[in-house]
PDB file of all heavy atoms in Angstrom:
ATOM      1  N   VAL A   1     -14.881 -16.761  14.531  1.00  0.00           N
ATOM      2  CA  VAL A   1     -13.709 -17.332  13.861  1.00  0.00           C
ATOM      3  C   VAL A   1     -13.464 -16.648  12.522  1.00  0.00           C
ATOM      4  O   VAL A   1     -12.324 -16.293  12.181  1.00  0.00           O
ATOM      5  CB  VAL A   1     -13.888 -18.854  13.666  1.00  0.00           C
ATOM      6  CG1 VAL A   1     -12.801 -19.397  12.729  1.00  0.00           C
ATOM      7  CG2 VAL A   1     -13.834 -19.577  14.998  1.00  0.00           C
ATOM      8  N   LEU A   2     -14.528 -16.453  11.748  1.00  0.00           N
ATOM      9  CA  LEU A   2     -14.400 -15.780  10.455  1.00  0.00           C
ATOM     10  C   LEU A   2     -13.874 -14.366  10.620  1.00  0.00           C
ATOM     11  O   LEU A   2     -13.024 -13.901   9.851  1.00  0.00           O
ATOM     12  CB  LEU A   2     -15.756 -15.758   9.743  1.00  0.00           C
ATOM     13  CG  LEU A   2     -16.260 -17.093   9.195  1.00  0.00           C
ATOM     14  CD1 LEU A   2     -17.672 -16.943   8.644  1.00  0.00           C
ATOM     15  CD2 LEU A   2     -15.325 -17.631   8.124  1.00  0.00           C
ATOM     16  N   THR A   3     -14.356 -13.670  11.641  1.00  0.00           N
ATOM     17  CA  THR A   3     -13.907 -12.304  11.898  1.00  0.00           C
ATOM     18  C   THR A   3     -12.423 -12.266  12.222  1.00  0.00           C
ATOM     19  O   THR A   3     -11.685 -11.395  11.748  1.00  0.00           O
ATOM     20  CB  THR A   3     -14.709 -11.680  13.059  1.00  0.00           C
ATOM     21  OG1 THR A   3     -16.106 -11.726  12.751  1.00  0.00           O
ATOM     22  CG2 THR A   3     -14.292 -10.237  13.285  1.00  0.00           C
ATOM     23  N   VAL A   4     -11.966 -13.218  13.038  1.00  0.00           N
ATOM     24  CA  VAL A   4     -10.552 -13.295  13.391  1.00  0.00           C
ATOM     25  C   VAL A   4      -9.704 -13.590  12.154  1.00  0.00           C
ATOM     26  O   VAL A   4      -8.616 -13.030  11.973  1.00  0.00           O
ATOM     27  CB  VAL A   4     -10.318 -14.353  14.487  1.00  0.00           C
ATOM     28  CG1 VAL A   4      -8.817 -14.590  14.687  1.00  0.00           C
ATOM     29  CG2 VAL A   4     -10.971 -13.934  15.788  1.00  0.00           C
ATOM     30  N   VAL A   5     -10.197 -14.461  11.286  1.00  0.00           N
ATOM     31  CA  VAL A   5      -9.479 -14.776  10.051  1.00  0.00           C
ATOM     32  C   VAL A   5      -9.348 -13.532   9.181  1.00  0.00           C
ATOM     33  O   VAL A   5      -8.266 -13.237   8.650  1.00  0.00           O
ATOM     34  CB  VAL A   5     -10.196 -15.895   9.272  1.00  0.00           C
ATOM     35  CG1 VAL A   5      -9.582 -16.061   7.877  1.00  0.00           C
ATOM     36  CG2 VAL A   5     -10.103 -17.212  10.034  1.00  0.00           C
ATOM     37  N   PHE A   6     -10.445 -12.775   9.030  1.00  0.00           N
ATOM     38  CA  PHE A   6     -10.404 -11.536   8.243  1.00  0.00           C
ATOM     39  C   PHE A   6      -9.370 -10.576   8.824  1.00  0.00           C
ATOM     40  O   PHE A   6      -8.604  -9.947   8.088  1.00  0.00           O
ATOM     41  CB  PHE A   6     -11.775 -10.855   8.233  1.00  0.00           C
ATOM     42  CG  PHE A   6     -12.869 -11.686   7.618  1.00  0.00           C
ATOM     43  CD1 PHE A   6     -14.197 -11.484   7.975  1.00  0.00           C
ATOM     44  CD2 PHE A   6     -12.584 -12.664   6.684  1.00  0.00           C
ATOM     45  CE1 PHE A   6     -15.211 -12.220   7.410  1.00  0.00           C
ATOM     46  CE2 PHE A   6     -13.592 -13.418   6.103  1.00  0.00           C
ATOM     47  CZ  PHE A   6     -14.916 -13.196   6.474  1.00  0.00           C
ATOM     48  N   LEU A   7      -9.357 -10.461  10.149  1.00  0.00           N
ATOM     49  CA  LEU A   7      -8.414  -9.562  10.809  1.00  0.00           C
ATOM     50  C   LEU A   7      -6.982 -10.030  10.601  1.00  0.00           C
ATOM     51  O   LEU A   7      -6.081  -9.211  10.359  1.00  0.00           O
ATOM     52  CB  LEU A   7      -8.732  -9.475  12.304  1.00  0.00           C
ATOM     53  CG  LEU A   7      -7.828  -8.551  13.139  1.00  0.00           C
ATOM     54  CD1 LEU A   7      -7.906  -7.124  12.607  1.00  0.00           C
ATOM     55  CD2 LEU A   7      -8.233  -8.587  14.606  1.00  0.00           C
ATOM     56  N   GLY A   8      -6.762 -11.332  10.664  1.00  0.00           N
ATOM     57  CA  GLY A   8      -5.422 -11.873  10.458  1.00  0.00           C
ATOM     58  C   GLY A   8      -4.894 -11.567   9.072  1.00  0.00           C
ATOM     59  O   GLY A   8      -3.724 -11.199   8.910  1.00  0.00           O
ATOM     60  N   VAL A   9      -5.743 -11.692   8.066  1.00  0.00           N
ATOM     61  CA  VAL A   9      -5.349 -11.374   6.689  1.00  0.00           C
ATOM     62  C   VAL A   9      -5.001  -9.898   6.573  1.00  0.00           C
ATOM     63  O   VAL A   9      -4.007  -9.514   5.943  1.00  0.00           O
ATOM     64  CB  VAL A   9      -6.472 -11.741   5.703  1.00  0.00           C
ATOM     65  CG1 VAL A   9      -6.143 -11.230   4.302  1.00  0.00           C
ATOM     66  CG2 VAL A   9      -6.682 -13.252   5.686  1.00  0.00           C
ATOM     67  N   SER A  10      -5.819  -9.052   7.197  1.00  0.00           N
ATOM     68  CA  SER A  10      -5.588  -7.607   7.148  1.00  0.00           C
ATOM     69  C   SER A  10      -4.276  -7.231   7.821  1.00  0.00           C
ATOM     70  O   SER A  10      -3.499  -6.424   7.306  1.00  0.00           O
ATOM     71  CB  SER A  10      -6.750  -6.869   7.828  1.00  0.00           C
ATOM     72  OG  SER A  10      -6.567  -5.465   7.773  1.00  0.00           O
ATOM     73  N   VAL A  11      -3.990  -7.836   8.986  1.00  0.00           N
ATOM     74  CA  VAL A  11      -2.737  -7.565   9.703  1.00  0.00           C
ATOM     75  C   VAL A  11      -1.545  -8.030   8.868  1.00  0.00           C
ATOM     76  O   VAL A  11      -0.526  -7.325   8.769  1.00  0.00           O
ATOM     77  CB  VAL A  11      -2.727  -8.264  11.078  1.00  0.00           C
ATOM     78  CG1 VAL A  11      -1.351  -8.148  11.722  1.00  0.00           C
ATOM     79  CG2 VAL A  11      -3.778  -7.650  11.996  1.00  0.00           C
ATOM     80  N   GLY A  12      -1.662  -9.202   8.254  1.00  0.00           N
ATOM     81  CA  GLY A  12      -0.581  -9.733   7.437  1.00  0.00           C
ATOM     82  C   GLY A  12      -0.222  -8.811   6.284  1.00  0.00           C
ATOM     83  O   GLY A  12       0.966  -8.572   6.006  1.00  0.00           O
ATOM     84  N   LYS A  13      -1.217  -8.273   5.613  1.00  0.00           N
ATOM     85  CA  LYS A  13      -0.960  -7.352   4.504  1.00  0.00           C
ATOM     86  C   LYS A  13      -0.343  -6.052   5.002  1.00  0.00           C
ATOM     87  O   LYS A  13       0.518  -5.457   4.343  1.00  0.00           O
ATOM     88  CB  LYS A  13      -2.257  -7.073   3.746  1.00  0.00           C
ATOM     89  CG  LYS A  13      -2.774  -8.274   2.962  1.00  0.00           C
ATOM     90  CD  LYS A  13      -4.004  -7.922   2.147  1.00  0.00           C
ATOM     91  CE  LYS A  13      -4.469  -9.115   1.320  1.00  0.00           C
ATOM     92  NZ  LYS A  13      -5.670  -8.803   0.507  1.00  0.00           N
ATOM     93  N   LEU A  14      -0.779  -5.606   6.179  1.00  0.00           N
ATOM     94  CA  LEU A  14      -0.252  -4.365   6.730  1.00  0.00           C
ATOM     95  C   LEU A  14       1.221  -4.484   7.094  1.00  0.00           C
ATOM     96  O   LEU A  14       1.997  -3.546   6.908  1.00  0.00           O
ATOM     97  CB  LEU A  14      -1.054  -3.969   7.976  1.00  0.00           C
ATOM     98  CG  LEU A  14      -0.656  -2.655   8.654  1.00  0.00           C
ATOM     99  CD1 LEU A  14      -0.977  -1.477   7.740  1.00  0.00           C
ATOM    100  CD2 LEU A  14      -1.383  -2.485   9.975  1.00  0.00           C
ATOM    101  N   MET A  15       1.629  -5.636   7.578  1.00  0.00           N
ATOM    102  CA  MET A  15       3.011  -5.820   8.009  1.00  0.00           C
ATOM    103  C   MET A  15       4.006  -5.724   6.856  1.00  0.00           C
ATOM    104  O   MET A  15       5.183  -5.463   7.061  1.00  0.00           O
ATOM    105  CB  MET A  15       3.167  -7.181   8.697  1.00  0.00           C
ATOM    106  CG  MET A  15       2.432  -7.291  10.022  1.00  0.00           C
ATOM    107  SD  MET A  15       2.980  -6.056  11.228  1.00  0.00           S
ATOM    108  CE  MET A  15       1.973  -6.520  12.650  1.00  0.00           C
ATOM    109  N   THR A  16       3.548  -5.944   5.632  1.00  0.00           N
ATOM    110  CA  THR A  16       4.436  -5.863   4.467  1.00  0.00           C
ATOM    111  C   THR A  16       4.240  -4.567   3.686  1.00  0.00           C
ATOM    112  O   THR A  16       4.851  -4.378   2.647  1.00  0.00           O
ATOM    113  CB  THR A  16       4.173  -7.046   3.514  1.00  0.00           C
ATOM    114  OG1 THR A  16       2.807  -7.019   3.060  1.00  0.00           O
ATOM    115  CG2 THR A  16       4.426  -8.366   4.217  1.00  0.00           C
ATOM    116  N   GLU A  17       3.447  -3.660   4.222  1.00  0.00           N
ATOM    117  CA  GLU A  17       3.110  -2.452   3.472  1.00  0.00           C
ATOM    118  C   GLU A  17       4.308  -1.538   3.275  1.00  0.00           C
ATOM    119  O   GLU A  17       4.411  -0.838   2.273  1.00  0.00           O
ATOM    120  CB  GLU A  17       1.995  -1.683   4.196  1.00  0.00           C
ATOM    121  CG  GLU A  17       1.462  -0.494   3.413  1.00  0.00           C
ATOM    122  CD  GLU A  17       0.206   0.079   4.030  1.00  0.00           C
ATOM    123  OE1 GLU A  17      -0.647  -0.703   4.473  1.00  0.00           O
ATOM    124  OE2 GLU A  17       0.084   1.309   4.074  1.00  0.00           O
ATOM    125  N   SER A  18       5.232  -1.492   4.232  1.00  0.00           N
ATOM    126  CA  SER A  18       6.379  -0.591   4.121  1.00  0.00           C
ATOM    127  C   SER A  18       7.270  -0.952   2.938  1.00  0.00           C
ATOM    128  O   SER A  18       8.105  -0.148   2.512  1.00  0.00           O
ATOM    129  CB  SER A  18       7.202  -0.615   5.412  1.00  0.00           C
ATOM    130  OG  SER A  18       7.671  -1.911   5.683  1.00  0.00           O
ATOM    131  N   GLU A  19       7.124  -2.168   2.411  1.00  0.00           N
ATOM    132  CA  GLU A  19       7.933  -2.602   1.279  1.00  0.00           C
ATOM    133  C   GLU A  19       7.340  -2.152  -0.048  1.00  0.00           C
ATOM    134  O   GLU A  19       7.952  -2.341  -1.091  1.00  0.00           O
ATOM    135  CB  GLU A  19       8.051  -4.131   1.305  1.00  0.00           C
ATOM    136  CG  GLU A  19       8.663  -4.688   2.583  1.00  0.00           C
ATOM    137  CD  GLU A  19       8.604  -6.202   2.647  1.00  0.00           C
ATOM    138  OE1 GLU A  19       8.159  -6.806   1.647  1.00  0.00           O
ATOM    139  OE2 GLU A  19       8.987  -6.777   3.676  1.00  0.00           O
ATOM    140  N   GLU A  20       6.171  -1.559  -0.027  1.00  0.00           N
ATOM    141  CA  GLU A  20       5.514  -1.160  -1.269  1.00  0.00           C
ATOM    142  C   GLU A  20       6.132   0.117  -1.830  1.00  0.00           C
ATOM    143  O   GLU A  20       6.680   0.942  -1.098  1.00  0.00           O
ATOM    144  CB  GLU A  20       4.011  -0.967  -1.018  1.00  0.00           C
ATOM    145  CG  GLU A  20       3.312  -2.266  -0.630  1.00  0.00           C
ATOM    146  CD  GLU A  20       1.812  -2.101  -0.507  1.00  0.00           C
ATOM    147  OE1 GLU A  20       1.321  -0.969  -0.714  1.00  0.00           O
ATOM    148  OE2 GLU A  20       1.134  -3.086  -0.211  1.00  0.00           O
ATOM    149  N   GLN A  21       6.018   0.273  -3.137  1.00  0.00           N
ATOM    150  CA  GLN A  21       6.624   1.396  -3.833  1.00  0.00           C
ATOM    151  C   GLN A  21       5.933   2.709  -3.484  1.00  0.00           C
ATOM    152  O   GLN A  21       4.715   2.773  -3.373  1.00  0.00           O
ATOM    153  CB  GLN A  21       6.548   1.154  -5.342  1.00  0.00           C
ATOM    154  CG  GLN A  21       7.249   2.218  -6.178  1.00  0.00           C
ATOM    155  CD  GLN A  21       7.232   1.859  -7.653  1.00  0.00           C
ATOM    156  OE1 GLN A  21       7.195   0.689  -8.007  1.00  0.00           O
ATOM    157  NE2 GLN A  21       7.246   2.869  -8.508  1.00  0.00           N
ATOM    158  N   LYS A  22       6.729   3.773  -3.336  1.00  0.00           N
ATOM    159  CA  LYS A  22       6.208   5.087  -3.013  1.00  0.00           C
ATOM    160  C   LYS A  22       6.002   5.913  -4.284  1.00  0.00           C
ATOM    161  O   LYS A  22       6.576   5.626  -5.334  1.00  0.00           O
ATOM    162  CB  LYS A  22       7.155   5.833  -2.071  1.00  0.00           C
ATOM    163  CG  LYS A  22       7.481   5.079  -0.777  1.00  0.00           C
ATOM    164  CD  LYS A  22       6.266   4.870   0.101  1.00  0.00           C
ATOM    165  CE  LYS A  22       6.646   4.196   1.414  1.00  0.00           C
ATOM    166  NZ  LYS A  22       5.501   3.961   2.295  1.00  0.00           N
ATOM    167  N   CYS A  23       5.196   6.950  -4.155  1.00  0.00           N
ATOM    168  CA  CYS A  23       4.895   7.853  -5.271  1.00  0.00           C
ATOM    169  C   CYS A  23       6.166   8.543  -5.760  1.00  0.00           C
ATOM    170  O   CYS A  23       7.042   8.891  -4.967  1.00  0.00           O
ATOM    171  CB  CYS A  23       3.868   8.891  -4.801  1.00  0.00           C
ATOM    172  SG  CYS A  23       3.467  10.169  -6.012  1.00  0.00           S
ATOM    173  N   ALA A  24       6.269   8.770  -7.084  1.00  0.00           N
ATOM    174  CA  ALA A  24       7.470   9.363  -7.686  1.00  0.00           C
ATOM    175  C   ALA A  24       7.494  10.884  -7.604  1.00  0.00           C
ATOM    176  O   ALA A  24       8.498  11.506  -7.948  1.00  0.00           O
ATOM    177  CB  ALA A  24       7.577   8.933  -9.157  1.00  0.00           C
ATOM    178  N   TYR A  25       6.425  11.496  -7.127  1.00  0.00           N
ATOM    179  CA  TYR A  25       6.338  12.958  -7.076  1.00  0.00           C
ATOM    180  C   TYR A  25       7.344  13.536  -6.081  1.00  0.00           C
ATOM    181  O   TYR A  25       7.476  13.052  -4.961  1.00  0.00           O
ATOM    182  CB  TYR A  25       4.920  13.366  -6.664  1.00  0.00           C
ATOM    183  CG  TYR A  25       4.685  14.853  -6.594  1.00  0.00           C
ATOM    184  CD1 TYR A  25       4.300  15.568  -7.727  1.00  0.00           C
ATOM    185  CD2 TYR A  25       4.818  15.539  -5.400  1.00  0.00           C
ATOM    186  CE1 TYR A  25       4.059  16.926  -7.661  1.00  0.00           C
ATOM    187  CE2 TYR A  25       4.584  16.896  -5.318  1.00  0.00           C
ATOM    188  CZ  TYR A  25       4.209  17.580  -6.448  1.00  0.00           C
ATOM    189  OH  TYR A  25       3.971  18.933  -6.376  1.00  0.00           O
ATOM    190  N   ASN A  26       8.070  14.601  -6.489  1.00  0.00           N
ATOM    191  CA  ASN A  26       9.055  15.211  -5.584  1.00  0.00           C
ATOM    192  C   ASN A  26       9.217  16.710  -5.809  1.00  0.00           C
ATOM    193  O   ASN A  26      10.284  17.266  -5.592  1.00  0.00           O
ATOM    194  CB  ASN A  26      10.419  14.521  -5.746  1.00  0.00           C
ATOM    195  CG  ASN A  26      10.989  14.676  -7.158  1.00  0.00           C
ATOM    196  OD1 ASN A  26      10.342  15.246  -8.030  1.00  0.00           O
ATOM    197  ND2 ASN A  26      12.185  14.172  -7.366  1.00  0.00           N
ATOM    198  N   ALA A  27       8.150  17.382  -6.244  1.00  0.00           N
ATOM    199  CA  ALA A  27       8.254  18.815  -6.528  1.00  0.00           C
ATOM    200  C   ALA A  27       8.172  19.655  -5.256  1.00  0.00           C
ATOM    201  O   ALA A  27       9.107  20.345  -4.887  1.00  0.00           O
ATOM    202  CB  ALA A  27       7.168  19.237  -7.515  1.00  0.00           C
ATOM    203  N   GLU A  28       7.041  19.614  -4.577  1.00  0.00           N
ATOM    204  CA  GLU A  28       6.893  20.381  -3.329  1.00  0.00           C
ATOM    205  C   GLU A  28       7.488  19.649  -2.148  1.00  0.00           C
ATOM    206  O   GLU A  28       7.896  20.254  -1.161  1.00  0.00           O
ATOM    207  CB  GLU A  28       5.403  20.637  -3.054  1.00  0.00           C
ATOM    208  CG  GLU A  28       4.729  21.521  -4.077  1.00  0.00           C
ATOM    209  CD  GLU A  28       3.233  21.571  -3.817  1.00  0.00           C
ATOM    210  OE1 GLU A  28       2.552  20.598  -4.133  1.00  0.00           O
ATOM    211  OE2 GLU A  28       2.769  22.598  -3.291  1.00  0.00           O
ATOM    212  N   TYR A  29       7.503  18.346  -2.222  1.00  0.00           N
ATOM    213  CA  TYR A  29       8.021  17.485  -1.165  1.00  0.00           C
ATOM    214  C   TYR A  29       8.270  16.117  -1.777  1.00  0.00           C
ATOM    215  O   TYR A  29       7.832  15.828  -2.893  1.00  0.00           O
ATOM    216  CB  TYR A  29       7.008  17.365  -0.011  1.00  0.00           C
ATOM    217  CG  TYR A  29       5.587  17.096  -0.472  1.00  0.00           C
ATOM    218  CD1 TYR A  29       5.194  15.827  -0.884  1.00  0.00           C
ATOM    219  CD2 TYR A  29       4.642  18.118  -0.519  1.00  0.00           C
ATOM    220  CE1 TYR A  29       3.910  15.576  -1.326  1.00  0.00           C
ATOM    221  CE2 TYR A  29       3.349  17.878  -0.964  1.00  0.00           C
ATOM    222  CZ  TYR A  29       2.987  16.608  -1.357  1.00  0.00           C
ATOM    223  OH  TYR A  29       1.709  16.371  -1.807  1.00  0.00           O
ATOM    224  N   ASN A  30       8.970  15.280  -1.078  1.00  0.00           N
ATOM    225  CA  ASN A  30       9.159  13.895  -1.525  1.00  0.00           C
ATOM    226  C   ASN A  30       7.951  13.090  -1.065  1.00  0.00           C
ATOM    227  O   ASN A  30       7.822  12.793   0.118  1.00  0.00           O
ATOM    228  CB  ASN A  30      10.446  13.317  -0.943  1.00  0.00           C
ATOM    229  CG  ASN A  30      11.682  13.964  -1.519  1.00  0.00           C
ATOM    230  OD1 ASN A  30      11.740  14.262  -2.703  1.00  0.00           O
ATOM    231  ND2 ASN A  30      12.675  14.203  -0.678  1.00  0.00           N
ATOM    232  N   CYS A  31       7.067  12.762  -1.988  1.00  0.00           N
ATOM    233  CA  CYS A  31       5.801  12.136  -1.623  1.00  0.00           C
ATOM    234  C   CYS A  31       6.012  10.714  -1.114  1.00  0.00           C
ATOM    235  O   CYS A  31       6.592   9.873  -1.796  1.00  0.00           O
ATOM    236  CB  CYS A  31       4.846  12.123  -2.820  1.00  0.00           C
ATOM    237  SG  CYS A  31       3.219  11.464  -2.416  1.00  0.00           S
ATOM    238  N   ASN A  32       5.533  10.485   0.102  1.00  0.00           N
ATOM    239  CA  ASN A  32       5.618   9.150   0.701  1.00  0.00           C
ATOM    240  C   ASN A  32       4.328   8.356   0.547  1.00  0.00           C
ATOM    241  O   ASN A  32       4.167   7.314   1.173  1.00  0.00           O
ATOM    242  CB  ASN A  32       5.970   9.272   2.189  1.00  0.00           C
ATOM    243  CG  ASN A  32       7.398   9.701   2.406  1.00  0.00           C
ATOM    244  OD1 ASN A  32       8.322   9.133   1.838  1.00  0.00           O
ATOM    245  ND2 ASN A  32       7.602  10.733   3.214  1.00  0.00           N
ATOM    246  N   ASN A  33       3.394   8.866  -0.263  1.00  0.00           N
ATOM    247  CA  ASN A  33       2.160   8.130  -0.511  1.00  0.00           C
ATOM    248  C   ASN A  33       2.446   6.824  -1.248  1.00  0.00           C
ATOM    249  O   ASN A  33       3.450   6.699  -1.964  1.00  0.00           O
ATOM    250  CB  ASN A  33       1.191   8.963  -1.355  1.00  0.00           C
ATOM    251  CG  ASN A  33       0.392   9.931  -0.522  1.00  0.00           C
ATOM    252  OD1 ASN A  33       0.518   9.984   0.693  1.00  0.00           O
ATOM    253  ND2 ASN A  33      -0.446  10.720  -1.178  1.00  0.00           N
ATOM    254  N   LYS A  34       1.557   5.895  -1.100  1.00  0.00           N
ATOM    255  CA  LYS A  34       1.672   4.605  -1.784  1.00  0.00           C
ATOM    256  C   LYS A  34       1.414   4.795  -3.285  1.00  0.00           C
ATOM    257  O   LYS A  34       0.393   5.369  -3.681  1.00  0.00           O
ATOM    258  CB  LYS A  34       0.668   3.629  -1.193  1.00  0.00           C
ATOM    259  CG  LYS A  34       0.771   2.201  -1.712  1.00  0.00           C
ATOM    260  CD  LYS A  34      -0.410   1.363  -1.240  1.00  0.00           C
ATOM    261  CE  LYS A  34      -0.535   1.392   0.269  1.00  0.00           C
ATOM    262  NZ  LYS A  34      -1.680   0.557   0.724  1.00  0.00           N
ATOM    263  N   ALA A  35       2.332   4.352  -4.112  1.00  0.00           N
ATOM    264  CA  ALA A  35       2.165   4.470  -5.567  1.00  0.00           C
ATOM    265  C   ALA A  35       1.181   3.411  -6.068  1.00  0.00           C
ATOM    266  O   ALA A  35       1.098   2.316  -5.515  1.00  0.00           O
ATOM    267  CB  ALA A  35       3.505   4.315  -6.269  1.00  0.00           C
ATOM    268  N   ARG A  36       0.452   3.763  -7.117  1.00  0.00           N
ATOM    269  CA  ARG A  36      -0.452   2.804  -7.750  1.00  0.00           C
ATOM    270  C   ARG A  36       0.333   2.047  -8.812  1.00  0.00           C
ATOM    271  O   ARG A  36       0.602   2.551  -9.896  1.00  0.00           O
ATOM    272  CB  ARG A  36      -1.639   3.537  -8.382  1.00  0.00           C
ATOM    273  CG  ARG A  36      -2.352   4.488  -7.436  1.00  0.00           C
ATOM    274  CD  ARG A  36      -2.929   3.778  -6.232  1.00  0.00           C
ATOM    275  NE  ARG A  36      -3.984   2.853  -6.599  1.00  0.00           N
ATOM    276  CZ  ARG A  36      -4.731   2.216  -5.719  1.00  0.00           C
ATOM    277  NH1 ARG A  36      -4.514   2.385  -4.426  1.00  0.00           N
ATOM    278  NH2 ARG A  36      -5.679   1.405  -6.113  1.00  0.00           N
ATOM    279  N   VAL A  37       0.750   0.839  -8.481  1.00  0.00           N
ATOM    280  CA  VAL A  37       1.584   0.035  -9.371  1.00  0.00           C
ATOM    281  C   VAL A  37       0.725  -1.025 -10.054  1.00  0.00           C
ATOM    282  O   VAL A  37      -0.108  -1.678  -9.416  1.00  0.00           O
ATOM    283  CB  VAL A  37       2.722  -0.636  -8.572  1.00  0.00           C
ATOM    284  CG1 VAL A  37       3.602  -1.461  -9.496  1.00  0.00           C
ATOM    285  CG2 VAL A  37       3.539   0.419  -7.842  1.00  0.00           C
ATOM    286  N   ASP A  38       0.924  -1.172 -11.363  1.00  0.00           N
ATOM    287  CA  ASP A  38       0.162  -2.153 -12.154  1.00  0.00           C
ATOM    288  C   ASP A  38      -1.343  -1.950 -11.983  1.00  0.00           C
ATOM    289  O   ASP A  38      -2.113  -2.912 -11.857  1.00  0.00           O
ATOM    290  CB  ASP A  38       0.544  -3.583 -11.759  1.00  0.00           C
ATOM    291  CG  ASP A  38       2.007  -3.885 -12.029  1.00  0.00           C
ATOM    292  OD1 ASP A  38       2.533  -3.341 -13.018  1.00  0.00           O
ATOM    293  OD2 ASP A  38       2.610  -4.657 -11.262  1.00  0.00           O
ATOM    294  N   ASP A  39      -1.751  -0.700 -11.954  1.00  0.00           N
ATOM    295  CA  ASP A  39      -3.158  -0.343 -11.785  1.00  0.00           C
ATOM    296  C   ASP A  39      -3.669   0.260 -13.093  1.00  0.00           C
ATOM    297  O   ASP A  39      -3.194   1.317 -13.525  1.00  0.00           O
ATOM    298  CB  ASP A  39      -3.305   0.675 -10.643  1.00  0.00           C
ATOM    299  CG  ASP A  39      -4.755   0.890 -10.229  1.00  0.00           C
ATOM    300  OD1 ASP A  39      -5.646   0.750 -11.095  1.00  0.00           O
ATOM    301  OD2 ASP A  39      -4.997   1.210  -9.053  1.00  0.00           O
ATOM    302  N   GLU A  40      -4.613  -0.407 -13.735  1.00  0.00           N
ATOM    303  CA  GLU A  40      -5.123   0.058 -15.024  1.00  0.00           C
ATOM    304  C   GLU A  40      -5.793   1.432 -14.913  1.00  0.00           C
ATOM    305  O   GLU A  40      -5.776   2.211 -15.859  1.00  0.00           O
ATOM    306  CB  GLU A  40      -6.128  -0.952 -15.580  1.00  0.00           C
ATOM    307  CG  GLU A  40      -5.502  -2.288 -15.944  1.00  0.00           C
ATOM    308  CD  GLU A  40      -6.510  -3.251 -16.544  1.00  0.00           C
ATOM    309  OE1 GLU A  40      -7.692  -2.872 -16.651  1.00  0.00           O
ATOM    310  OE2 GLU A  40      -6.113  -4.376 -16.898  1.00  0.00           O
ATOM    311  N   LYS A  41      -6.352   1.718 -13.755  1.00  0.00           N
ATOM    312  CA  LYS A  41      -7.014   3.012 -13.566  1.00  0.00           C
ATOM    313  C   LYS A  41      -6.002   4.138 -13.406  1.00  0.00           C
ATOM    314  O   LYS A  41      -6.268   5.283 -13.756  1.00  0.00           O
ATOM    315  CB  LYS A  41      -7.919   2.947 -12.337  1.00  0.00           C
ATOM    316  CG  LYS A  41      -8.798   4.173 -12.168  1.00  0.00           C
ATOM    317  CD  LYS A  41      -9.735   4.007 -10.987  1.00  0.00           C
ATOM    318  CE  LYS A  41     -10.622   5.252 -10.811  1.00  0.00           C
ATOM    319  NZ  LYS A  41     -11.530   5.098  -9.649  1.00  0.00           N
ATOM    320  N   TYR A  42      -4.815   3.815 -12.881  1.00  0.00           N
ATOM    321  CA  TYR A  42      -3.761   4.814 -12.677  1.00  0.00           C
ATOM    322  C   TYR A  42      -2.468   4.311 -13.322  1.00  0.00           C
ATOM    323  O   TYR A  42      -1.525   3.942 -12.616  1.00  0.00           O
ATOM    324  CB  TYR A  42      -3.541   5.069 -11.180  1.00  0.00           C
ATOM    325  CG  TYR A  42      -4.782   5.539 -10.457  1.00  0.00           C
ATOM    326  CD1 TYR A  42      -5.579   4.635  -9.747  1.00  0.00           C
ATOM    327  CD2 TYR A  42      -5.161   6.877 -10.476  1.00  0.00           C
ATOM    328  CE1 TYR A  42      -6.718   5.062  -9.089  1.00  0.00           C
ATOM    329  CE2 TYR A  42      -6.305   7.309  -9.813  1.00  0.00           C
ATOM    330  CZ  TYR A  42      -7.082   6.396  -9.116  1.00  0.00           C
ATOM    331  OH  TYR A  42      -8.213   6.816  -8.469  1.00  0.00           O
ATOM    332  N   PRO A  43      -2.394   4.294 -14.658  1.00  0.00           N
ATOM    333  CA  PRO A  43      -1.200   3.779 -15.335  1.00  0.00           C
ATOM    334  C   PRO A  43       0.020   4.677 -15.121  1.00  0.00           C
ATOM    335  O   PRO A  43      -0.121   5.857 -14.774  1.00  0.00           O
ATOM    336  CB  PRO A  43      -1.623   3.766 -16.805  1.00  0.00           C
ATOM    337  CG  PRO A  43      -2.675   4.818 -16.905  1.00  0.00           C
ATOM    338  CD  PRO A  43      -3.417   4.775 -15.608  1.00  0.00           C
TER     339      PRO A  43
END
């Protein structure tokens, strides 16, 4: 049951991932990587 719950949480977060902000880099290509938003390590 715990394993299924963990998987459900993971699937739920994945389903909304396309709404996350993309990287602003666009020199060699338009970067589609996930941007680090509100991340103290990557301001």
